[in-house]
Amino acid sequence: MVRTGKTWVFWLGLLIFAGACFELFSIVWYYSIYLSNYSDARMMVPPIVGGVVFILVGLYMMWSGRKETGNPAESKPA
């Protein structure tokens, strides 16, 4: 059985991912409560695109920040 350990890259990616999710949730919340017309929605496009980009960056960092730490006895050739 192969286990994966988490490196600092994983944890930084998780932090970026969580921050981007919070940002996008805040934008949706603000947009649904305070903005009534769609002419002001053009101001929201750059933060939304930035949030999506940071979600993708965070997911990539979480994916690449794992290292395999298996049992050394299992990895010996027979």
Protein backbone atom coordinates (compact mmCIF):
# COMPACT_ATOMS: atom_id res chain seq x y z
CA MET A 1 0.00 0.00 0.00
CA VAL A 2 1.39 3.36 -1.00
CA ARG A 3 0.77 6.26 1.32
CA THR A 4 1.22 9.87 0.41
CA GLY A 5 2.81 12.45 2.65
CA LYS A 6 1.99 16.11 2.39
CA THR A 7 4.76 18.61 1.71
CA TRP A 8 4.75 22.36 2.26
CA VAL A 9 3.71 22.78 -1.38
CA PHE A 10 0.53 20.82 -0.65
CA TRP A 11 -0.32 22.96 2.37
CA LEU A 12 0.39 26.21 0.50
CA GLY A 13 -1.81 25.00 -2.35
CA LEU A 14 -4.55 24.16 0.12
CA LEU A 15 -4.30 27.66 1.60
CA ILE A 16 -4.48 29.27 -1.86
CA PHE A 17 -7.41 27.02 -2.80
CA ALA A 18 -9.32 27.88 0.38
CA GLY A 19 -8.69 31.60 -0.07
CA ALA A 20 -9.90 31.52 -3.67
CA CYS A 21 -13.03 29.58 -2.69
CA PHE A 22 -13.76 32.12 0.03
CA GLU A 23 -13.24 34.97 -2.44
CA LEU A 24 -15.62 33.49 -5.00
CA PHE A 25 -18.23 32.76 -2.33
CA SER A 26 -17.94 36.37 -1.12
CA ILE A 27 -18.39 37.68 -4.65
CA VAL A 28 -21.49 35.55 -5.21
CA TRP A 29 -22.88 36.60 -1.83
CA TYR A 30 -22.24 40.30 -2.49
CA TYR A 31 -23.63 40.03 -6.01
CA SER A 32 -26.82 38.29 -4.89
CA ILE A 33 -27.54 40.72 -2.05
CA TYR A 34 -26.25 44.16 -3.01
CA LEU A 35 -26.10 44.40 -6.79
CA SER A 36 -29.47 44.76 -8.42
CA ASN A 37 -28.51 45.80 -11.94
CA TYR A 38 -26.21 43.98 -14.30
CA SER A 39 -24.28 47.08 -15.41
CA ASP A 40 -22.18 46.88 -12.23
CA ALA A 41 -21.40 43.23 -12.87
CA ARG A 42 -18.59 44.19 -15.27
CA MET A 43 -16.52 45.22 -12.25
CA MET A 44 -16.78 41.66 -10.92
CA VAL A 45 -15.22 39.95 -13.95
CA PRO A 46 -11.51 40.39 -13.01
CA PRO A 47 -11.93 39.08 -9.43
CA ILE A 48 -13.98 36.12 -10.67
CA VAL A 49 -11.37 35.22 -13.29
CA GLY A 50 -8.63 35.65 -10.68
CA GLY A 51 -10.50 33.41 -8.25
CA VAL A 52 -10.89 30.67 -10.84
CA VAL A 53 -7.20 30.90 -11.76
CA PHE A 54 -6.16 30.69 -8.12
CA ILE A 55 -8.43 27.68 -7.59
CA LEU A 56 -6.70 25.92 -10.47
CA VAL A 57 -3.25 26.92 -9.16
CA GLY A 58 -4.14 25.68 -5.68
CA LEU A 59 -5.44 22.36 -7.02
CA TYR A 60 -2.28 21.87 -9.07
CA MET A 61 -0.07 22.66 -6.07
CA MET A 62 -2.05 20.23 -3.92
CA TRP A 63 -1.73 17.54 -6.60
CA SER A 64 2.00 18.05 -7.12
CA GLY A 65 2.78 18.53 -3.41
CA ARG A 66 2.19 14.92 -2.48
CA LYS A 67 5.08 12.55 -2.05
CA GLU A 68 4.77 8.81 -1.84
CA THR A 69 5.87 7.35 1.46
CA GLY A 70 5.28 3.64 1.34
CA ASN A 71 6.63 0.83 3.43
CA PRO A 72 10.28 0.25 2.40
CA ALA A 73 9.86 -3.53 2.86
CA GLU A 74 7.14 -3.55 0.20
CA SER A 75 9.25 -1.71 -2.37
CA LYS A 76 12.15 -4.19 -2.32
CA PRO A 77 12.49 -6.25 -5.50
CA ALA A 78 11.83 -9.96 -5.09
